[in-house]
N, C-alpha and C. Protein backbone atom coordinates (compact mmCIF):
# COMPACT_ATOMS: atom_id res chain seq x y z
N UNK A 1 -19.34 -1.05 -9.66
CA UNK A 1 -18.94 -1.41 -7.95
C UNK A 1 -17.73 -0.56 -7.52
N UNK A 2 -17.82 -0.69 -6.15
CA UNK A 2 -16.76 0.16 -5.90
C UNK A 2 -16.04 -0.69 -4.81
N UNK A 3 -14.69 -0.81 -4.96
CA UNK A 3 -13.98 -1.74 -4.44
C UNK A 3 -12.26 -1.37 -4.36
N UNK A 4 -11.81 -1.50 -3.43
CA UNK A 4 -10.54 -1.61 -3.34
C UNK A 4 -9.48 -2.36 -4.49
N UNK A 5 -8.40 -2.28 -4.41
CA UNK A 5 -7.62 -2.87 -5.43
C UNK A 5 -7.09 -4.13 -4.41
N UNK A 6 -6.90 -5.08 -5.68
CA UNK A 6 -6.00 -6.20 -4.99
C UNK A 6 -4.87 -6.14 -4.26
N UNK A 7 -4.09 -5.24 -4.80
CA UNK A 7 -2.95 -4.91 -3.97
C UNK A 7 -3.12 -4.37 -2.56
N UNK A 8 -4.21 -3.52 -2.19
CA UNK A 8 -4.75 -2.91 -1.38
C UNK A 8 -5.17 -4.27 -0.36
N UNK A 9 -5.91 -4.96 -0.90
CA UNK A 9 -6.59 -6.30 -0.20
C UNK A 9 -5.40 -7.07 0.43
N UNK A 10 -4.28 -7.16 -0.42
CA UNK A 10 -3.20 -7.77 -0.12
C UNK A 10 -2.19 -7.44 0.88
N UNK A 11 -2.52 -6.06 0.68
CA UNK A 11 -1.65 -5.19 1.76
C UNK A 11 -2.14 -5.24 3.13
N UNK A 12 -3.54 -5.42 2.93
CA UNK A 12 -4.19 -5.57 4.44
C UNK A 12 -3.90 -6.97 5.08
N UNK A 13 -3.84 -7.78 4.43
CA UNK A 13 -3.61 -9.58 4.52
C UNK A 13 -2.03 -9.54 4.86
N UNK A 14 -1.33 -8.90 4.43
CA UNK A 14 -0.01 -8.92 4.62
C UNK A 14 0.33 -8.15 6.31
N UNK A 15 -0.55 -6.91 6.32
CA UNK A 15 -0.14 -6.48 7.46
C UNK A 15 -1.05 -6.91 8.86
N UNK A 16 -1.85 -7.85 8.43
CA UNK A 16 -2.85 -8.59 9.45
C UNK A 16 -1.80 -9.37 9.65
N UNK A 17 -1.15 -9.96 9.10
CA UNK A 17 -0.26 -11.37 9.06
C UNK A 17 0.68 -10.82 10.08
N UNK A 18 1.53 -10.12 9.72
CA UNK A 18 2.24 -9.55 10.82
C UNK A 18 1.95 -8.68 12.12
N UNK A 19 0.88 -8.72 12.16
CA UNK A 19 -0.03 -8.24 13.42
C UNK A 19 -0.06 -9.30 14.45
N UNK A 20 0.12 -10.29 13.94
CA UNK A 20 -0.18 -11.37 14.84
C UNK A 20 0.86 -11.40 15.87
N UNK A 21 2.22 -11.18 15.61
CA UNK A 21 3.35 -11.26 16.66
C UNK A 21 4.29 -10.00 15.83
N UNK A 22 3.81 -8.83 16.64
CA UNK A 22 4.59 -7.50 16.02
C UNK A 22 5.75 -7.40 16.39
N UNK A 23 6.28 -8.21 17.47
CA UNK A 23 7.72 -8.09 17.82
C UNK A 23 8.78 -9.15 16.50
N UNK A 24 8.06 -9.73 15.79
CA UNK A 24 8.52 -10.84 15.18
C UNK A 24 9.02 -10.13 13.73
N UNK A 25 10.25 -10.82 13.46
CA UNK A 25 10.90 -10.29 12.08
C UNK A 25 10.65 -11.32 11.12
N UNK A 26 10.09 -11.26 10.15
CA UNK A 26 9.22 -12.23 8.86
C UNK A 26 10.10 -11.89 7.43
N UNK A 27 10.76 -12.77 6.98
CA UNK A 27 11.17 -12.84 5.63
C UNK A 27 9.99 -12.52 4.96
N UNK A 28 10.31 -11.97 3.60
CA UNK A 28 9.42 -11.91 2.41
C UNK A 28 8.78 -13.42 2.01
N UNK A 29 9.64 -14.45 2.16
CA UNK A 29 9.33 -15.51 1.50
C UNK A 29 8.30 -16.21 2.58
N UNK A 30 8.86 -16.18 4.04
CA UNK A 30 7.57 -16.92 4.88
C UNK A 30 6.55 -16.17 4.91
N UNK A 31 6.41 -14.76 4.76
CA UNK A 31 4.95 -14.19 4.85
C UNK A 31 4.14 -14.40 3.30
N UNK A 32 4.98 -14.54 2.26
CA UNK A 32 4.39 -15.19 0.88
C UNK A 32 3.84 -16.65 1.53
N UNK A 33 4.49 -17.39 2.00
CA UNK A 33 3.91 -19.11 2.34
C UNK A 33 2.57 -18.68 2.97
N UNK A 34 2.72 -17.78 4.20
CA UNK A 34 1.64 -18.03 5.22
C UNK A 34 0.37 -17.13 4.83
N UNK A 35 0.76 -16.41 3.83
CA UNK A 35 -0.60 -15.44 3.31
C UNK A 35 -1.03 -16.00 2.02
N UNK A 36 -0.15 -17.32 1.44
CA UNK A 36 -0.54 -17.88 0.11
C UNK A 36 -0.44 -16.72 -1.10
N UNK A 37 0.26 -15.84 -1.08
CA UNK A 37 0.74 -14.80 -2.31
C UNK A 37 2.13 -15.02 -2.81
N UNK A 38 2.35 -14.50 -3.66
CA UNK A 38 3.74 -14.68 -4.46
C UNK A 38 4.58 -13.81 -3.83
N UNK A 39 5.95 -14.22 -3.55
CA UNK A 39 6.85 -13.73 -3.38
C UNK A 39 7.26 -12.19 -4.02
N UNK A 40 7.45 -12.13 -5.36
CA UNK A 40 7.37 -10.62 -5.83
C UNK A 40 5.85 -9.64 -5.54
N UNK A 41 5.02 -10.31 -5.25
CA UNK A 41 4.02 -9.42 -4.83
C UNK A 41 4.01 -8.97 -3.66
N UNK A 42 4.48 -9.87 -2.78
CA UNK A 42 4.62 -9.57 -1.04
C UNK A 42 6.03 -8.39 -0.94
N UNK A 43 6.90 -8.71 -1.80
CA UNK A 43 7.86 -8.04 -1.81
C UNK A 43 7.77 -6.45 -2.14
N UNK A 44 6.94 -6.44 -3.33
CA UNK A 44 6.31 -5.15 -4.06
C UNK A 44 5.91 -4.21 -2.77
N UNK A 45 4.76 -5.01 -2.12
CA UNK A 45 3.88 -4.64 -1.11
C UNK A 45 4.98 -4.17 -0.25
N UNK A 46 5.80 -4.80 0.48
CA UNK A 46 6.43 -4.50 1.79
C UNK A 46 7.48 -3.42 1.64
N UNK A 47 7.71 -3.11 0.31
CA UNK A 47 8.46 -2.17 0.18
C UNK A 47 7.83 -0.91 0.14
N UNK A 48 6.67 -0.57 -0.43
CA UNK A 48 5.46 0.22 -0.11
C UNK A 48 5.01 0.83 1.17
N UNK A 49 4.88 -0.67 1.90
CA UNK A 49 4.58 -0.49 3.42
C UNK A 49 5.25 -0.21 3.98
N UNK A 50 6.67 -0.27 3.58
CA UNK A 50 7.87 0.43 4.29
C UNK A 50 8.39 1.44 4.14
N UNK A 51 8.09 2.10 2.81
CA UNK A 51 8.33 3.70 2.54
C UNK A 51 7.18 4.60 3.22
N UNK A 52 6.31 3.71 3.36
CA UNK A 52 5.06 4.70 3.96
C UNK A 52 5.14 4.67 5.68
N UNK A 53 5.92 3.94 6.09
CA UNK A 53 6.27 4.06 7.84
C UNK A 53 5.65 2.94 8.45
N UNK A 54 5.09 1.99 7.82
CA UNK A 54 3.82 1.17 8.47
C UNK A 54 4.65 -0.23 8.70
N UNK A 55 5.79 -0.49 8.19
CA UNK A 55 6.45 -1.78 7.96
C UNK A 55 8.22 -1.34 8.36
N UNK A 56 8.74 -1.72 9.18
CA UNK A 56 10.27 -1.63 9.44
C UNK A 56 11.07 -2.78 8.67
N UNK A 57 11.84 -2.36 7.99
CA UNK A 57 12.80 -3.46 7.33
C UNK A 57 14.12 -3.62 7.79
N UNK A 58 14.59 -4.97 8.20
CA UNK A 58 15.84 -4.99 8.57
C UNK A 58 16.67 -5.96 7.69
N UNK A 59 18.34 -5.45 7.63
CA UNK A 59 18.78 -6.04 6.57
C UNK A 59 19.67 -7.01 6.96
N UNK A 60 20.40 -8.22 6.45
CA UNK A 60 21.57 -8.77 6.97
C UNK A 60 20.78 -10.21 7.43
N UNK A 61 21.33 -11.11 8.04
CA UNK A 61 20.95 -12.40 8.48
C UNK A 61 20.25 -12.18 9.50
N UNK A 62 19.08 -12.67 9.39
CA UNK A 62 18.03 -12.64 10.45
C UNK A 62 16.93 -11.86 10.09
N UNK A 63 17.19 -11.03 8.74
CA UNK A 63 16.50 -9.63 8.51
C UNK A 63 14.96 -9.67 7.97
N UNK A 64 14.41 -8.94 7.63
CA UNK A 64 13.02 -9.03 7.60
C UNK A 64 12.29 -7.80 7.75
N UNK A 65 11.12 -8.27 7.72
CA UNK A 65 9.90 -7.02 8.17
C UNK A 65 9.23 -7.24 9.30
N UNK A 66 8.91 -6.25 9.82
CA UNK A 66 7.77 -6.43 10.93
C UNK A 66 6.96 -4.92 11.24
N UNK A 67 5.96 -4.86 11.68
CA UNK A 67 5.04 -3.96 12.08
C UNK A 67 5.97 -2.79 12.84
N UNK A 68 5.78 -1.43 12.23
CA UNK A 68 6.40 -0.10 12.58
C UNK A 68 6.12 0.26 13.59
N UNK A 69 4.44 0.13 14.12
CA UNK A 69 4.01 0.89 15.14
C UNK A 69 3.00 -0.16 16.16
N UNK A 70 2.56 -0.05 17.07
CA UNK A 70 1.36 -0.89 17.60
C UNK A 70 0.39 -1.10 17.07
N UNK A 71 -0.14 -1.99 16.55
CA UNK A 71 -1.10 -2.45 15.90
C UNK A 71 -2.46 -1.68 16.02
N UNK A 72 -2.72 -0.82 17.55
CA UNK A 72 -3.84 -0.15 17.72
C UNK A 72 -3.51 1.10 17.20
N UNK A 73 -2.15 1.49 16.74
CA UNK A 73 -1.88 3.09 15.82
C UNK A 73 -1.99 2.89 14.32
N UNK A 74 -2.37 1.44 13.89
CA UNK A 74 -2.10 1.37 12.30
C UNK A 74 -3.91 1.36 11.71
N UNK A 75 -4.37 2.07 10.82
CA UNK A 75 -5.59 2.01 10.71
C UNK A 75 -5.69 1.55 9.26
N UNK A 76 -6.99 0.98 8.87
CA UNK A 76 -7.26 0.51 7.58
C UNK A 76 -7.00 1.94 6.53
N UNK A 77 -7.10 3.27 7.08
CA UNK A 77 -7.19 4.24 6.19
C UNK A 77 -5.39 4.31 5.89
N UNK A 78 -4.47 3.90 6.94
CA UNK A 78 -3.17 4.05 6.44
C UNK A 78 -2.97 3.05 5.42
N UNK A 79 -3.32 1.98 5.87
CA UNK A 79 -3.03 0.86 4.76
C UNK A 79 -3.34 1.42 3.25
N UNK A 80 -4.62 1.56 3.32
CA UNK A 80 -5.43 2.01 1.89
C UNK A 80 -4.59 3.28 1.30
N UNK A 81 -4.27 4.31 2.28
CA UNK A 81 -3.53 5.30 1.54
C UNK A 81 -2.00 4.87 1.06
N UNK A 82 -1.29 4.29 1.72
CA UNK A 82 -0.15 3.88 1.64
C UNK A 82 0.06 2.96 0.20
N UNK A 83 -1.43 2.20 -0.02
CA UNK A 83 -1.13 1.69 -1.46
C UNK A 83 -1.76 2.50 -2.47
N UNK A 84 -2.92 3.08 -2.12
CA UNK A 84 -3.59 3.99 -3.41
C UNK A 84 -3.56 5.04 -3.26
N UNK A 85 -3.04 5.93 -2.12
CA UNK A 85 -2.85 7.28 -2.49
C UNK A 85 -3.91 7.48 -1.38
N UNK A 86 -4.18 9.33 -1.20
CA UNK A 86 -5.52 9.49 -0.96
C UNK A 86 -6.98 9.17 -1.56
N UNK A 87 -7.74 8.67 -0.51
CA UNK A 87 -8.76 8.42 -0.82
C UNK A 87 -9.89 9.19 -1.54
N UNK A 88 -10.18 8.99 -2.56
CA UNK A 88 -11.21 10.05 -3.29
C UNK A 88 -11.94 9.17 -4.26
N UNK A 89 -12.97 9.30 -3.81
CA UNK A 89 -14.27 8.46 -4.30
C UNK A 89 -14.43 8.92 -6.03
N UNK A 90 -14.42 10.37 -5.87
CA UNK A 90 -14.63 10.79 -7.41
C UNK A 90 -13.36 11.80 -7.63
N UNK A 91 -13.78 12.23 -9.04
CA UNK A 91 -12.86 13.48 -9.41
C UNK A 91 -12.80 14.61 -8.28
N UNK A 92 -13.81 15.20 -8.00
CA UNK A 92 -14.09 16.17 -7.02
C UNK A 92 -13.42 15.94 -5.61
N UNK A 93 -13.07 14.91 -5.39
CA UNK A 93 -12.79 14.57 -3.92
C UNK A 93 -11.21 14.60 -3.95
N UNK A 94 -10.81 14.48 -5.19
CA UNK A 94 -9.19 14.34 -5.39
C UNK A 94 -8.41 15.58 -5.18
N UNK A 95 -7.15 15.70 -4.66
CA UNK A 95 -6.78 16.89 -4.60
C UNK A 95 -6.32 17.52 -5.65
N UNK A 96 -6.19 17.12 -6.91
CA UNK A 96 -5.99 17.81 -8.04
C UNK A 96 -7.33 18.35 -8.66
N UNK A 97 -8.50 17.60 -8.17
CA UNK A 97 -9.51 18.10 -9.02
C UNK A 97 -9.76 18.76 -10.57
N UNK A 98 -9.57 17.18 -11.34
CA UNK A 98 -9.35 17.26 -12.82
C UNK A 98 -10.65 17.32 -13.25
N UNK A 99 -11.87 17.20 -12.89
CA UNK A 99 -13.12 17.23 -13.05
C UNK A 99 -13.31 18.40 -14.15
N UNK A 100 -13.87 18.17 -15.27
CA UNK A 100 -14.36 19.27 -16.21
C UNK A 100 -15.45 20.05 -15.97
N UNK A 101 -16.29 18.90 -15.03
CA UNK A 101 -17.61 19.83 -14.64
C UNK A 101 -17.85 20.33 -13.15
N UNK A 102 -16.20 20.30 -12.79
CA UNK A 102 -16.28 20.99 -11.59
C UNK A 102 -17.03 21.94 -10.65
N UNK A 103 -16.95 23.09 -11.80
CA UNK A 103 -17.43 24.49 -11.10
C UNK A 103 -19.11 24.56 -11.49
N UNK A 104 -19.41 23.68 -12.46
CA UNK A 104 -20.81 23.25 -12.78
C UNK A 104 -21.67 22.39 -11.98
N UNK A 105 -20.71 21.72 -11.26
CA UNK A 105 -21.55 20.52 -10.40
C UNK A 105 -22.33 20.81 -9.25
N UNK A 106 -23.41 20.11 -9.07
CA UNK A 106 -24.18 20.47 -8.18
C UNK A 106 -24.37 19.36 -6.88
N UNK A 107 -23.48 18.37 -7.28
CA UNK A 107 -23.53 17.25 -6.07
C UNK A 107 -22.23 17.15 -5.74
N UNK A 108 -21.21 17.80 -5.97
CA UNK A 108 -19.68 17.57 -5.66
C UNK A 108 -19.60 17.59 -3.97
N UNK A 109 -20.23 18.72 -3.73
CA UNK A 109 -20.26 18.75 -2.01
C UNK A 109 -20.56 17.78 -1.30
N UNK A 110 -21.77 16.94 -2.03
CA UNK A 110 -22.18 15.92 -1.46
C UNK A 110 -21.10 14.80 -1.37
N UNK A 111 -20.63 14.40 -2.76
CA UNK A 111 -19.62 13.62 -2.90
C UNK A 111 -18.34 13.57 -1.74
N UNK A 112 -17.82 14.93 -1.68
CA UNK A 112 -17.03 15.22 -0.56
C UNK A 112 -17.21 14.75 0.83
N UNK A 113 -18.38 15.35 1.07
CA UNK A 113 -19.12 14.79 2.59
C UNK A 113 -18.86 12.84 2.55
N UNK A 114 -19.69 12.20 1.84
CA UNK A 114 -19.34 10.92 1.59
C UNK A 114 -18.25 10.17 1.77
N UNK A 115 -17.16 10.71 0.78
CA UNK A 115 -15.65 10.57 0.85
C UNK A 115 -15.08 10.74 2.23
N UNK A 116 -15.28 11.88 2.86
CA UNK A 116 -15.03 12.28 4.31
C UNK A 116 -15.54 10.97 5.10
N UNK A 117 -16.78 10.86 5.02
CA UNK A 117 -17.40 9.76 5.99
C UNK A 117 -16.70 8.35 5.81
N UNK A 118 -16.28 8.00 4.41
CA UNK A 118 -15.29 6.83 3.93
C UNK A 118 -14.18 6.84 4.91
N UNK A 119 -13.72 7.87 4.79
CA UNK A 119 -12.47 7.72 5.11
C UNK A 119 -12.36 7.76 6.63
N UNK A 120 -13.16 8.76 7.22
CA UNK A 120 -13.44 8.58 8.77
C UNK A 120 -13.49 7.13 9.30
N UNK A 121 -14.53 6.52 8.48
CA UNK A 121 -14.65 4.92 9.17
C UNK A 121 -13.47 3.87 8.75
N UNK A 122 -12.87 4.05 7.85
CA UNK A 122 -11.44 3.37 7.51
C UNK A 122 -10.49 3.94 8.52
N UNK A 123 -10.60 4.65 9.23
CA UNK A 123 -9.59 5.38 10.11
C UNK A 123 -9.88 5.03 11.54
N UNK A 124 -11.26 4.78 11.44
CA UNK A 124 -11.38 4.55 12.98
C UNK A 124 -11.50 2.68 13.01
N UNK A 125 -11.24 2.09 12.24
CA UNK A 125 -10.80 0.45 11.98
C UNK A 125 -9.31 0.24 12.36
N UNK A 126 -8.81 -0.40 13.44
CA UNK A 126 -7.52 -0.43 13.47
C UNK A 126 -6.95 -1.89 12.85
N UNK A 127 -5.47 -1.98 12.77
CA UNK A 127 -4.86 -3.02 12.45
C UNK A 127 -5.48 -4.39 13.55
N UNK A 128 -5.29 -3.67 14.35
CA UNK A 128 -5.85 -4.53 15.81
C UNK A 128 -7.12 -5.14 15.67
N UNK A 129 -8.03 -4.19 15.02
CA UNK A 129 -9.30 -4.97 14.94
C UNK A 129 -9.33 -5.94 14.06
N UNK A 130 -8.33 -5.55 12.57
CA UNK A 130 -8.70 -6.50 11.63
C UNK A 130 -8.40 -8.26 12.03
N UNK A 131 -7.39 -8.12 13.51
CA UNK A 131 -7.02 -9.38 13.70
C UNK A 131 -7.59 -10.23 14.29
N UNK A 132 -8.89 -9.59 14.76
CA UNK A 132 -9.77 -10.46 15.47
C UNK A 132 -11.41 -10.30 14.44
N UNK A 133 -12.09 -11.90 14.95
CA UNK A 133 -13.09 -11.89 13.99
C UNK A 133 -14.20 -11.09 14.45
N UNK A 134 -14.99 -10.47 13.67
CA UNK A 134 -15.96 -9.49 13.73
C UNK A 134 -17.51 -10.25 13.51
N UNK A 135 -17.68 -11.38 12.49
CA UNK A 135 -18.36 -11.87 12.49
C UNK A 135 -19.28 -12.45 13.56
N UNK A 136 -20.70 -11.97 13.64
CA UNK A 136 -21.49 -12.38 14.52
C UNK A 136 -21.44 -11.47 16.21
N UNK A 137 -20.80 -10.73 15.89
CA UNK A 137 -20.82 -9.56 17.18
C UNK A 137 -21.12 -8.36 16.66
N UNK A 138 -21.52 -7.64 17.50
CA UNK A 138 -22.26 -6.10 17.57
C UNK A 138 -20.92 -5.22 17.81
N UNK A 139 -20.60 -4.09 16.62
CA UNK A 139 -19.56 -3.59 16.91
C UNK A 139 -19.62 -1.94 17.37
N UNK A 140 -18.80 -1.45 17.86
CA UNK A 140 -19.03 -0.18 18.47
C UNK A 140 -17.46 0.48 18.23
N UNK A 141 -17.10 0.30 17.09
CA UNK A 141 -15.64 0.65 16.99
C UNK A 141 -15.39 2.12 16.94
N UNK A 142 -15.29 2.69 18.05
CA UNK A 142 -14.95 4.08 18.00
C UNK A 142 -15.86 5.00 17.38
N UNK A 143 -17.24 4.69 17.58
CA UNK A 143 -18.23 5.61 16.81
C UNK A 143 -19.01 5.05 15.82
N UNK A 144 -18.21 3.92 15.22
CA UNK A 144 -19.10 2.81 14.04
C UNK A 144 -19.78 1.87 14.64
N UNK A 145 -21.62 2.21 14.24
CA UNK A 145 -22.38 0.77 15.04
C UNK A 145 -22.85 0.41 13.71
N UNK A 146 -22.53 -1.00 14.03
CA UNK A 146 -23.16 -1.92 12.85
C UNK A 146 -22.89 -3.33 13.73
N UNK A 147 -24.06 -4.02 13.19
CA UNK A 147 -24.24 -5.52 13.71
C UNK A 147 -23.74 -6.17 12.30
N UNK A 148 -22.75 -7.22 12.32
CA UNK A 148 -22.11 -7.87 11.37
C UNK A 148 -22.65 -9.28 11.46
N UNK A 149 -23.43 -9.92 10.35
CA UNK A 149 -23.99 -11.13 10.33
C UNK A 149 -23.03 -11.91 9.65
N UNK A 150 -23.31 -13.39 10.05
CA UNK A 150 -22.29 -14.47 9.44
C UNK A 150 -23.15 -14.88 8.25
């Protein structure tokens, strides 16, 4: 099964919550309560998201976290990359290419194309898109054509 990690899933939940009111500064505790995640998990993810430039942190009284850019400029690929690193579906798609069969493999180029397709799809879905229900609506998100069924 191919799936993102729980931390990446939680990061998209946190980013989507922050996107509901991009100008507001939220405490980690407030975010944790609203998203039903634990404060340590939220704090850990906010630190990573802040280091990646997706979230801005503010210290002191009234401090907390907020979205660093407009929600239309932050993609699902940005969030995934912040938590997971660069997308690599197989070893031959990774930057370090540590697969022992790399020089002998007849399908690595196909995996690299598939990897690119998935990365491009994730790069076309923005945080703004993630904050709106897509169920039951036809989508044409910047080249992605799909019918989402409920």
